[in-house]
Amino acid sequence: MMVIRPIRQSDYLALLSIAEESGHGFTSLPVNEALLKAKISRSERAFKSSNETLENDCYLFVMVDTETDEVVGTSGIESTVGLRDPFYHYHQGKVTHYSNELNVYNTVDILTLGNDYTGATEICTLFLSKKARHGTNGRLLSRFRFLFMGQNKNRFSDTVVAEMRGVSDEFGQSPFWAWLQEHFFSMPFPDAVHRVGMGQKSFIAELMPKYPIYASLLSAEAQAVIGQVHEQTKPALALLEQEGFCNRGYVDIFDAGPTVEAKLDDILTVKNRQEYSVCIGELEGGKEYIISNLEVADYRATVATLSVNVEKSAVMLNTELASILKVSEGGKVSIIALR
């Protein structure tokens, strides 16, 4: 069984392994001991905090295989972005050039640098190890976050965003960045991504073009990947779209991957989750659900086949599942149908 829990310091080596496996373009997991350990410490502080207000917090979770006690994935939530470090995006827009005298009318696409998502909550750092990419694992690793957020709305913003990894090749080269590198920067794409992961963002403000970029001036290869996602990211994007996330024209400044957004209360899992009382007994046949306790520091979530009594607002758990979820008879759990 796969179980979601908050990360802890003893997970450092597992997180490092995930960071190494994630490869190029995954800015939220730099392969750096000091930064990874700092991220774990920051997450531990957030989970232990009793202050149920919107702060600059990071909630980082891991997925654990209960049979082997091996960490096979990670998933995170930044409660707010852009308040301490700039949160840059390009916004896709249009301008029209028209000459009455010549009777020439042209509409062109432009990219405008901005910080429009400052203060939003970001879901991030989702990565599932290749050996665990099967069954319901990907769906659990993505959707449980919305159960957690729905149970703790005061800790998160009304707007939730997710940056999707853009197109790059097996060597970490991005067609979009190649054009920016040629004209404005003098560093390879992996180096730029690594700098951002290390928190070194000042070079963006210093070197990034301040005025709108005419998309037609980009190379054909760069234009083709604007708003497109990395092959490995397509399943994650599909899950978010099912939850109600959509792209409003914002793309990443490095690889032009899309940023999708949703209002917290409009996210499908947040809207449809139900809280039920726990009854301890023998599990009977039923539907598959994502189920979690209502804790913060001791948060647990998993997928299980459950029998739910809607009239009594009760759900039956056997002793093993109740123990995994850290709940007892009469306690409360949050559930959402897996499909």
Foldseek 3Di string as FASTA:
>chain_A
DKKKAFDAQVCLVVLLVQLVVVDFQQLQRFNDSVLSNVLSVQQLVVLPDPPLAADQGKTKMFIADVVVRHTFWIKIKGQFPCPVPADKWWFKDWDWDADPVVRDIDIFIKTAIDRVRGGAMEIGRTDGHPVPPDDLVVLLSQPVVLVLCLLRVNHHDQKYKYAAGFDDDPVNAALQQVQCCVPFNVDGLRVVSNCVSVVNDPVCVVTPDNGIDTLVPGDPRNSVGQQHHYPVRVVVVVSQVVQPWDFPRIAHPRRNHTMTMDGSCSGNLSVPKAKAFEDEDDFDAAAKKWKWASGRNGIMIDIDGWDADVVRRYIYDYPVVCVRRVHDGGGMMIIDGSD
